[in-house]
Protein backbone atom coordinates (compact mmCIF):
# COMPACT_ATOMS: atom_id res chain seq x y z
CA MET A 1 118.21 55.39 104.50
CA THR A 2 120.58 52.98 102.75
CA ASN A 3 117.76 51.97 100.40
CA ARG A 4 117.80 55.36 98.70
CA PRO A 5 118.45 55.16 94.93
CA VAL A 6 122.12 55.59 94.08
CA ILE A 7 123.74 58.20 91.85
CA VAL A 8 127.35 57.54 90.88
CA ASN A 9 129.43 60.70 90.50
CA VAL A 10 132.89 60.52 88.89
CA SER A 11 135.29 63.42 88.30
CA GLU A 12 138.75 64.08 86.96
CA SER A 13 140.47 65.47 90.04
CA ALA A 14 137.97 66.55 92.68
CA ALA A 15 138.28 65.64 96.34
CA PRO A 16 137.17 62.03 97.05
CA ALA A 17 134.09 63.16 98.99
CA TRP A 18 132.92 65.64 96.34
CA ASN A 19 129.29 64.77 95.58
CA TRP A 20 128.69 67.59 93.09
CA ILE A 21 125.23 68.85 94.08
CA GLY A 22 124.45 65.95 96.39
CA GLY A 23 122.77 67.37 99.46
CA ARG A 24 122.38 70.83 97.87
CA PHE A 25 118.59 70.63 97.67
CA PRO A 26 116.09 69.90 100.46
CA ALA A 27 115.35 66.28 101.28
CA ASP A 28 117.84 64.88 98.78
CA PRO A 29 116.30 61.49 97.94
CA PHE A 30 119.51 60.04 96.52
CA ARG A 31 122.60 58.36 97.89
CA TRP A 32 125.66 59.71 96.12
CA LEU A 33 128.76 57.59 95.55
CA SER A 34 131.73 59.60 94.34
CA PHE A 35 134.96 58.61 92.60
CA THR A 36 137.89 60.77 91.55
CA GLY A 37 140.78 60.53 89.15
CA ARG A 38 143.00 62.30 91.65
CA PRO A 39 146.07 60.06 92.22
CA SER A 40 145.54 57.90 95.30
CA SER A 41 148.92 56.16 95.46
CA ALA A 42 152.58 56.84 94.79
CA PHE A 43 152.36 54.69 91.66
CA GLU A 44 149.46 56.72 90.27
CA GLU A 45 151.27 59.92 91.20
CA ARG A 46 154.29 58.84 89.13
CA LEU A 47 152.35 57.46 86.17
CA ARG A 48 150.64 60.48 84.65
CA ARG A 49 150.83 59.41 80.98
CA PRO A 50 148.69 57.44 80.51
CA LYS A 51 146.70 58.75 83.44
CA LEU A 52 146.17 55.52 85.33
CA SER A 53 144.22 57.23 88.11
CA ARG A 54 141.55 58.35 85.63
CA TYR A 55 141.03 54.82 84.32
CA ARG A 56 140.90 53.46 87.86
CA ALA A 57 138.26 56.01 88.91
CA CYS A 58 136.10 55.35 85.84
CA TRP A 59 136.35 51.57 86.34
CA GLU A 60 135.44 51.87 90.02
CA ALA A 61 132.49 54.10 89.11
CA ALA A 62 131.23 51.61 86.53
CA LEU A 63 131.59 48.73 88.99
CA ALA A 64 129.68 50.67 91.65
CA ALA A 65 126.95 51.57 89.17
CA LYS A 66 126.46 47.88 88.39
CA ARG A 67 126.75 46.66 92.00
CA GLU A 68 124.42 49.30 93.43
CA ARG A 69 122.02 49.31 90.48
CA ALA A 70 122.53 53.04 90.12
CA VAL A 71 119.67 55.10 88.75
CA LEU A 72 122.04 57.68 87.23
CA ILE A 73 125.72 58.19 86.43
CA VAL A 74 127.16 61.72 86.38
CA SER A 75 130.62 62.21 84.87
CA HIS A 76 132.65 65.41 84.70
CA THR A 77 134.93 66.36 81.77
CA PRO A 78 135.02 64.59 78.38
CA LEU A 79 137.67 61.90 78.96
CA VAL A 80 136.08 60.85 82.24
CA SER A 81 132.77 60.56 80.38
CA VAL A 82 134.40 58.55 77.59
CA TRP A 83 136.04 55.97 79.84
CA THR A 84 133.16 55.69 82.29
CA ASN A 85 130.83 55.04 79.38
CA LEU A 86 133.14 52.43 77.85
CA PHE A 87 133.46 50.56 81.15
CA CYS A 88 129.70 50.75 81.75
CA ARG A 89 129.07 49.31 78.29
CA ALA A 90 131.54 46.48 78.99
CA LEU A 91 129.77 45.68 82.27
CA GLY A 92 126.27 45.96 80.82
CA VAL A 93 125.28 48.94 82.99
CA LYS A 94 122.02 50.40 81.72
CA ALA A 95 121.68 53.48 83.95
CA PRO A 96 121.29 56.83 82.15
CA HIS A 97 124.51 58.82 81.97
CA LEU A 98 124.81 62.61 82.29
CA ALA A 99 128.09 63.89 80.83
CA PHE A 100 128.53 67.20 82.64
CA SER A 101 131.33 69.69 81.89
CA PHE A 102 131.50 68.35 78.35
CA THR A 103 133.88 70.95 76.99
CA PHE A 104 137.11 70.74 74.99
CA SER A 105 139.87 73.35 75.14
CA LYS A 106 141.10 71.83 71.86
CA LEU A 107 138.96 69.61 69.64
CA PRO A 108 140.34 66.12 68.98
CA THR A 109 141.18 65.17 65.41
CA GLY A 110 141.94 62.05 63.38
CA LEU A 111 141.87 58.69 65.11
CA ARG A 112 141.39 60.33 68.51
CA ARG A 113 138.21 62.00 67.29
CA ARG A 114 136.91 58.73 65.84
CA PHE A 115 137.62 56.93 69.11
CA ILE A 116 135.76 59.58 71.13
CA VAL A 117 132.78 59.62 68.74
CA ASP A 118 132.37 55.85 69.13
CA SER A 119 132.95 55.98 72.90
CA LEU A 120 130.17 58.51 73.48
CA ARG A 121 127.42 56.28 72.07
CA GLY A 122 124.77 55.59 74.66
CA ILE A 123 125.30 58.63 76.86
CA ASP A 124 121.91 60.08 77.64
CA ARG A 125 122.69 63.80 78.03
CA PHE A 126 125.61 66.22 77.63
CA VAL A 127 126.09 69.62 79.28
CA CYS A 128 128.48 72.24 77.94
CA PHE A 129 128.99 75.81 79.11
CA SER A 130 128.49 77.97 76.03
CA SER A 131 125.96 78.21 73.23
CA VAL A 132 128.73 78.04 70.61
CA GLU A 133 129.77 74.60 71.92
CA ARG A 134 126.19 73.40 71.82
CA GLY A 135 126.07 74.43 68.18
CA ARG A 136 129.45 72.85 67.35
CA TYR A 137 129.38 69.43 69.04
CA PRO A 138 126.38 67.72 67.38
CA GLU A 139 128.00 67.62 63.95
CA TYR A 140 131.56 67.20 65.20
CA PHE A 141 130.84 64.27 67.51
CA GLY A 142 127.70 62.90 65.89
CA ILE A 143 125.60 63.64 68.97
CA PRO A 144 121.88 64.31 68.46
CA GLU A 145 121.32 68.01 69.08
CA GLU A 146 118.51 67.38 71.56
CA LYS A 147 120.96 65.51 73.81
CA ILE A 148 123.17 68.56 74.38
CA ASP A 149 122.25 71.31 76.83
CA SER A 150 124.02 74.62 77.33
CA LEU A 151 124.24 75.81 80.92
CA ARG A 152 126.24 78.73 82.20
CA TRP A 153 129.11 77.64 84.41
CA SER A 154 128.26 78.01 88.08
CA VAL A 155 130.49 77.96 91.13
CA GLY A 156 129.88 78.60 94.79
CA GLU A 157 130.90 81.88 96.33
CA PRO A 158 134.64 81.91 97.12
CA GLY A 159 135.32 81.29 100.79
CA LEU A 160 137.53 84.35 101.09
CA ASP A 161 138.88 85.03 104.57
CA PRO A 162 138.64 88.84 104.96
CA SER A 163 141.19 88.77 107.78
CA MET A 164 143.85 87.18 105.56
CA THR A 165 146.69 89.55 104.69
CA PRO A 166 147.05 90.22 100.92
CA ILE A 167 149.72 87.90 99.54
CA GLU A 168 150.78 90.39 96.85
CA GLN A 169 151.79 94.00 97.33
CA ALA A 170 149.26 96.38 95.78
CA PRO A 171 148.67 97.77 93.27
CA TYR A 172 148.86 94.92 90.76
CA LEU A 173 146.86 93.10 88.11
CA CYS A 174 146.55 89.33 87.96
CA ALA A 175 146.00 86.43 85.59
CA VAL A 176 144.93 82.97 86.79
CA GLY A 177 144.51 79.54 85.21
CA GLY A 178 146.05 77.08 82.79
CA GLU A 179 143.68 75.76 80.11
CA GLY A 180 143.76 77.51 76.73
CA ARG A 181 145.79 80.44 78.02
CA ASP A 182 148.07 82.74 75.99
CA TYR A 183 150.51 84.02 78.58
CA GLU A 184 153.07 84.87 75.90
CA THR A 185 150.87 87.70 74.61
CA LEU A 186 150.09 88.94 78.11
CA VAL A 187 153.75 88.94 79.16
CA GLU A 188 154.66 90.81 76.00
CA ALA A 189 151.91 93.35 76.76
CA MET A 190 153.48 93.93 80.16
CA ARG A 191 156.72 95.02 78.47
CA HIS A 192 154.70 98.01 77.27
CA LEU A 193 153.65 98.71 80.88
CA PRO A 194 156.88 98.66 82.94
CA ASP A 195 155.28 100.61 85.80
CA HIS A 196 152.51 98.01 86.34
CA HIS A 197 153.02 94.71 88.14
CA LEU A 198 151.41 91.48 86.93
CA ALA A 199 151.00 88.44 89.20
CA ILE A 200 150.31 85.17 87.36
CA VAL A 201 149.02 81.97 88.96
CA THR A 202 149.23 78.98 86.66
CA ARG A 203 150.55 75.45 86.24
CA PRO A 204 154.30 74.91 86.07
CA ALA A 205 153.98 73.77 82.44
CA ASN A 206 152.33 77.06 81.47
CA ALA A 207 155.15 79.05 83.04
CA ALA A 208 157.94 77.01 81.46
CA GLY A 209 159.78 78.96 78.79
CA LEU A 210 158.17 82.33 79.53
CA ASP A 211 160.66 85.20 79.20
CA LEU A 212 159.50 87.28 82.15
CA PRO A 213 160.24 91.00 82.41
CA PRO A 214 160.96 92.41 85.90
CA ASN A 215 157.35 93.53 86.41
CA VAL A 216 155.87 90.01 86.06
CA SER A 217 155.90 87.32 88.76
CA VAL A 218 154.60 83.74 88.59
CA ARG A 219 153.20 81.49 91.32
CA THR A 220 152.41 77.81 90.84
CA ASN A 221 150.66 75.17 92.95
CA ILE A 222 149.39 77.59 95.59
CA PRO A 223 146.36 76.87 97.84
CA LEU A 224 142.94 77.90 96.52
CA ALA A 225 142.51 80.37 99.39
CA GLU A 226 145.61 82.20 98.16
CA VAL A 227 144.26 82.25 94.60
CA TRP A 228 141.08 83.92 95.85
CA ASN A 229 143.18 86.32 97.90
CA LEU A 230 145.22 87.28 94.85
CA ILE A 231 142.14 87.89 92.67
CA ALA A 232 140.25 89.78 95.38
CA HIS A 233 143.01 92.30 96.00
CA ALA A 234 143.99 92.84 92.35
CA LYS A 235 143.10 96.08 90.63
CA LEU A 236 141.98 94.05 87.62
CA MET A 237 142.25 90.56 86.15
CA VAL A 238 143.23 89.56 82.61
CA LEU A 239 142.01 86.33 81.02
CA PRO A 240 144.31 85.87 77.98
CA LEU A 241 142.93 83.13 75.73
CA ARG A 242 144.73 81.31 72.95
CA ASP A 243 142.30 82.22 70.16
CA THR A 244 138.73 83.29 69.39
CA GLU A 245 137.34 79.75 69.69
CA VAL A 246 138.75 78.36 72.94
CA PRO A 247 136.02 77.65 75.57
CA CYS A 248 138.13 78.00 78.72
CA GLY A 249 138.48 80.27 81.73
CA HIS A 250 134.88 80.28 82.94
CA THR A 251 135.70 79.41 86.54
CA THR A 252 138.38 82.08 86.78
CA LEU A 253 136.16 84.73 85.21
CA ILE A 254 133.16 83.95 87.39
CA THR A 255 135.30 83.96 90.53
CA ALA A 256 136.65 87.40 89.61
CA MET A 257 133.09 88.63 89.06
CA GLN A 258 132.03 87.27 92.46
CA LEU A 259 135.01 88.97 94.11
CA GLU A 260 134.21 92.22 92.25
CA THR A 261 137.50 92.39 90.38
CA PRO A 262 136.95 93.89 86.90
CA SER A 263 138.17 91.72 84.04
CA ILE A 264 139.69 91.93 80.57
CA VAL A 265 139.05 88.88 78.37
CA THR A 266 140.39 87.88 74.97
CA GLU A 267 137.60 87.98 72.40
CA SER A 268 136.16 84.46 72.09
CA VAL A 269 132.85 83.22 70.74
CA ALA A 270 132.75 80.79 73.66
CA MET A 271 132.78 83.69 76.15
CA THR A 272 129.93 85.72 74.65
CA ASP A 273 127.51 84.09 77.10
CA TYR A 274 129.53 85.65 79.94
CA ILE A 275 131.21 88.83 78.76
CA SER A 276 129.43 91.79 77.25
CA ASP A 277 132.08 94.29 76.21
CA GLU A 278 131.87 97.54 78.18
CA THR A 279 129.17 96.05 80.42
CA THR A 280 130.43 93.01 82.36
CA GLY A 281 134.06 93.39 81.27
CA LEU A 282 136.35 94.56 78.50
CA THR A 283 137.52 92.49 75.55
CA CYS A 284 140.60 92.68 73.36
CA PRO A 285 141.72 90.81 70.22
CA PRO A 286 143.81 87.64 70.54
CA GLY A 287 147.55 87.62 69.97
CA ASP A 288 147.90 91.43 70.04
CA PRO A 289 150.17 92.59 72.89
CA ALA A 290 149.83 96.28 72.01
CA ALA A 291 146.01 96.14 72.08
CA MET A 292 146.07 94.21 75.33
CA ALA A 293 148.43 96.76 76.88
CA ARG A 294 146.13 99.63 75.83
CA THR A 295 143.10 97.88 77.33
CA ILE A 296 144.95 97.20 80.59
CA GLU A 297 146.08 100.82 80.81
CA ARG A 298 142.57 102.08 80.13
CA LEU A 299 140.95 99.99 82.86
CA TRP A 300 143.81 100.66 85.28
CA GLU A 301 143.41 104.44 84.96
CA ASP A 302 139.60 104.71 84.78
CA ASP A 303 138.18 104.07 88.26
CA GLU A 304 134.66 104.99 87.18
CA LEU A 305 134.76 102.37 84.40
CA ALA A 306 136.17 99.77 86.80
CA THR A 307 133.39 100.40 89.31
CA ARG A 308 130.70 100.17 86.64
CA LEU A 309 132.09 96.93 85.23
CA LYS A 310 132.45 95.16 88.56
CA ARG A 311 128.92 96.15 89.67
CA SER A 312 127.39 94.90 86.42
CA ALA A 313 129.47 91.73 86.51
CA ARG A 314 128.49 91.02 90.10
CA ALA A 315 124.80 91.42 89.27
CA PHE A 316 125.16 89.15 86.23
CA VAL A 317 127.01 86.37 88.02
CA THR A 318 124.61 86.42 90.97
CA GLU A 319 121.63 86.01 88.66
CA GLU A 320 123.01 83.69 85.97
CA CYS A 321 125.90 81.66 87.42
CA SER A 322 124.73 80.58 90.85
CA GLU A 323 124.76 76.99 92.06
CA ALA A 324 120.99 77.28 92.35
CA ARG A 325 120.84 77.32 88.54
CA THR A 326 122.70 74.01 88.35
CA VAL A 327 120.50 72.48 91.04
CA ALA A 328 117.39 73.58 89.13
CA TYR A 329 118.77 72.08 85.92
CA PHE A 330 119.51 68.79 87.64
CA LYS A 331 116.06 68.59 89.21
CA ASP A 332 114.41 69.16 85.81
CA TYR A 333 116.62 66.48 84.25
CA ALA A 334 115.92 64.03 87.08
CA ARG A 335 112.18 64.63 86.65
CA SER A 336 112.49 63.89 82.94
CA LEU A 337 113.92 60.49 83.89
CA GLY A 338 111.18 59.86 86.44
CA LEU A 339 113.63 60.02 89.34
CA LEU A 340 111.90 62.92 91.12
């Protein structure tokens, strides 16, 4: 089956064998070649700025697309899409290019914006994860509106081991993730709630400089199984976002919904496709520790509300954020290109 048409898949930091949805639908007619910007040597591990491993992965993907005469290139995250597209243009690769996960936690400005606008020329299709981004990016990046699709973020069910002992002593609430987060406001809110314990899982850079009260603990660089464990056994999860525009936190939120942990989310136009206040979660204004503390206390004390929210959230995420939705989208797109 080596004569199957090739799809080149390139990501920022996924495992080397991650083929996105390759093999996820019956009789997959494609051969998937995957490349990752995850550091693959001690030199790449040391050199993070500029991120040499990203450039290497994008170059290898472009070379493979040319060598194998790929019928499609799929890139994940904006900078991977930018550099893969630039290298493909340099090599004369003509395969259509799907820029998946095209979402910015902070929009580029100035010369960086101009560079990205020019570097995106020629990409066939873009996928973002909120309707507000789909409305924002055409004008901002000069992308024809018909080339941008909005698709709700989808992730597979967490592989939670039910026999695994909880890694945090209950009861507690949790917060997980790094992009676009406002942990300063959340930590300040916890000063109003000295009898409640908050467990944070984030990147070391996000934790640096936080003035933690005694009822807040931070974990960094823990295995994914432990992250799922922490979310699953929490009484509730808080997703504190930097402002009302930031389109981040979808994976964390969806995982909490799948694990039936009720959530509080900072109000954000980019989250309206996922959170309906009082139905699939609770919202609170950005940068307001007192309001966040009141919302936490309310959900903590109201078991009936918590049960209603987690049931509604579970139903929503099962229907709208399953991997089957992404597979269906891909099949429709592949048909539009004449590949299926």
